[in-house]
Amino acid sequence: MSKLKKEYISKRLLARGSRRIFKKDANKALKENGYVIVVKDGWVVKESINGDIERIRKINSSGISQNLLLD
């Protein structure tokens, strides 16, 4: 297949789509379960549907500022 016929997906486009899907699914899980487990500011936290945030464990970060959504 020639290069012209292949679709090009940039890292930025992939990250943007992934972020949108993770956020949508995290909101669905929050509604169904009443909470989600996420990583924020160097901590694994449990976010409740009523807005409460419970710190579970501090993580060793390598200085990269990223949020990771876990299910």
C-alpha atoms as a PDB file:
ATOM      1  CA  MET A   1       0.000   0.000   0.000  1.00  0.00           C
ATOM      2  CA  SER A   2       1.410   3.398  -0.917  1.00  0.00           C
ATOM      3  CA  LYS A   3       2.084   6.062   1.670  1.00  0.00           C
ATOM      4  CA  LEU A   4      -0.556   8.304   0.108  1.00  0.00           C
ATOM      5  CA  LYS A   5      -3.340   5.780   0.808  1.00  0.00           C
ATOM      6  CA  LYS A   6      -2.454   5.250   4.464  1.00  0.00           C
ATOM      7  CA  GLU A   7      -4.199   7.335   7.094  1.00  0.00           C
ATOM      8  CA  TYR A   8      -1.893   9.379   9.271  1.00  0.00           C
ATOM      9  CA  ILE A   9      -2.684   9.588  12.968  1.00  0.00           C
ATOM     10  CA  SER A  10      -0.534  12.009  14.909  1.00  0.00           C
ATOM     11  CA  LYS A  11       0.352  11.549  18.564  1.00  0.00           C
ATOM     12  CA  ARG A  12      -1.655  14.671  19.336  1.00  0.00           C
ATOM     13  CA  LEU A  13      -4.764  13.341  17.585  1.00  0.00           C
ATOM     14  CA  LEU A  14      -4.425   9.982  19.319  1.00  0.00           C
ATOM     15  CA  ALA A  15      -3.958  11.619  22.739  1.00  0.00           C
ATOM     16  CA  ARG A  16      -6.934  13.915  22.196  1.00  0.00           C
ATOM     17  CA  GLY A  17      -9.212  11.037  21.195  1.00  0.00           C
ATOM     18  CA  SER A  18      -8.003   8.835  24.046  1.00  0.00           C
ATOM     19  CA  ARG A  19      -8.547  11.607  26.590  1.00  0.00           C
ATOM     20  CA  ARG A  20     -12.092  12.187  25.333  1.00  0.00           C
ATOM     21  CA  ILE A  21     -12.956   8.464  25.516  1.00  0.00           C
ATOM     22  CA  PHE A  22     -11.377   8.003  28.962  1.00  0.00           C
ATOM     23  CA  LYS A  23     -13.272  11.019  30.309  1.00  0.00           C
ATOM     24  CA  LYS A  24     -16.577   9.775  28.871  1.00  0.00           C
ATOM     25  CA  ASP A  25     -16.086   6.287  30.302  1.00  0.00           C
ATOM     26  CA  ALA A  26     -14.916   7.636  33.671  1.00  0.00           C
ATOM     27  CA  ASN A  27     -18.110   9.694  33.912  1.00  0.00           C
ATOM     28  CA  LYS A  28     -20.160   6.599  33.037  1.00  0.00           C
ATOM     29  CA  ALA A  29     -18.347   4.565  35.718  1.00  0.00           C
ATOM     30  CA  LEU A  30     -18.862   7.383  38.237  1.00  0.00           C
ATOM     31  CA  LYS A  31     -22.614   7.359  37.597  1.00  0.00           C
ATOM     32  CA  GLU A  32     -22.879   3.562  37.725  1.00  0.00           C
ATOM     33  CA  ASN A  33     -20.529   2.861  40.661  1.00  0.00           C
ATOM     34  CA  GLY A  34     -20.713   6.114  42.599  1.00  0.00           C
ATOM     35  CA  TYR A  35     -16.930   6.547  42.486  1.00  0.00           C
ATOM     36  CA  VAL A  36     -13.841   6.283  40.258  1.00  0.00           C
ATOM     37  CA  ILE A  37     -10.175   5.673  41.047  1.00  0.00           C
ATOM     38  CA  VAL A  38      -7.852   8.174  39.318  1.00  0.00           C
ATOM     39  CA  VAL A  39      -4.346   9.564  39.620  1.00  0.00           C
ATOM     40  CA  LYS A  40      -4.108  13.284  40.448  1.00  0.00           C
ATOM     41  CA  ASP A  41      -1.231  15.394  41.672  1.00  0.00           C
ATOM     42  CA  GLY A  42       0.961  12.403  42.473  1.00  0.00           C
ATOM     43  CA  TRP A  43      -1.733  10.515  44.380  1.00  0.00           C
ATOM     44  CA  VAL A  44      -4.055   7.628  43.587  1.00  0.00           C
ATOM     45  CA  VAL A  45      -7.417   8.962  44.749  1.00  0.00           C
ATOM     46  CA  LYS A  46     -11.009   7.797  44.988  1.00  0.00           C
ATOM     47  CA  GLU A  47     -13.450  10.418  43.688  1.00  0.00           C
ATOM     48  CA  SER A  48     -17.046   9.991  44.825  1.00  0.00           C
ATOM     49  CA  ILE A  49     -20.092  11.138  42.910  1.00  0.00           C
ATOM     50  CA  ASN A  50     -20.808  13.707  45.651  1.00  0.00           C
ATOM     51  CA  GLY A  51     -17.390  15.325  45.077  1.00  0.00           C
ATOM     52  CA  ASP A  52     -15.513  13.793  48.006  1.00  0.00           C
ATOM     53  CA  ILE A  53     -11.889  12.890  47.289  1.00  0.00           C
ATOM     54  CA  GLU A  54     -10.086  10.255  49.348  1.00  0.00           C
ATOM     55  CA  ARG A  55      -6.325   9.833  48.972  1.00  0.00           C
ATOM     56  CA  ILE A  56      -5.394   6.166  48.668  1.00  0.00           C
ATOM     57  CA  ARG A  57      -1.651   6.132  48.031  1.00  0.00           C
ATOM     58  CA  LYS A  58       1.118   8.549  47.056  1.00  0.00           C
ATOM     59  CA  ILE A  59       2.888   7.486  43.885  1.00  0.00           C
ATOM     60  CA  ASN A  60       6.509   7.885  42.921  1.00  0.00           C
ATOM     61  CA  SER A  61       6.397  10.253  39.967  1.00  0.00           C
ATOM     62  CA  SER A  62       9.181  10.808  37.477  1.00  0.00           C
ATOM     63  CA  GLY A  63       8.300  14.475  37.084  1.00  0.00           C
ATOM     64  CA  ILE A  64       5.892  13.915  34.206  1.00  0.00           C
ATOM     65  CA  SER A  65       2.614  15.742  34.729  1.00  0.00           C
ATOM     66  CA  GLN A  66      -0.070  13.387  33.443  1.00  0.00           C
ATOM     67  CA  ASN A  67      -3.405  12.235  34.775  1.00  0.00           C
ATOM     68  CA  LEU A  68      -4.138   8.527  34.493  1.00  0.00           C
ATOM     69  CA  LEU A  69      -7.700   7.269  34.706  1.00  0.00           C
ATOM     70  CA  LEU A  70      -8.141   3.763  36.039  1.00  0.00           C
ATOM     71  CA  ASP A  71     -11.214   1.622  36.035  1.00  0.00           C
END
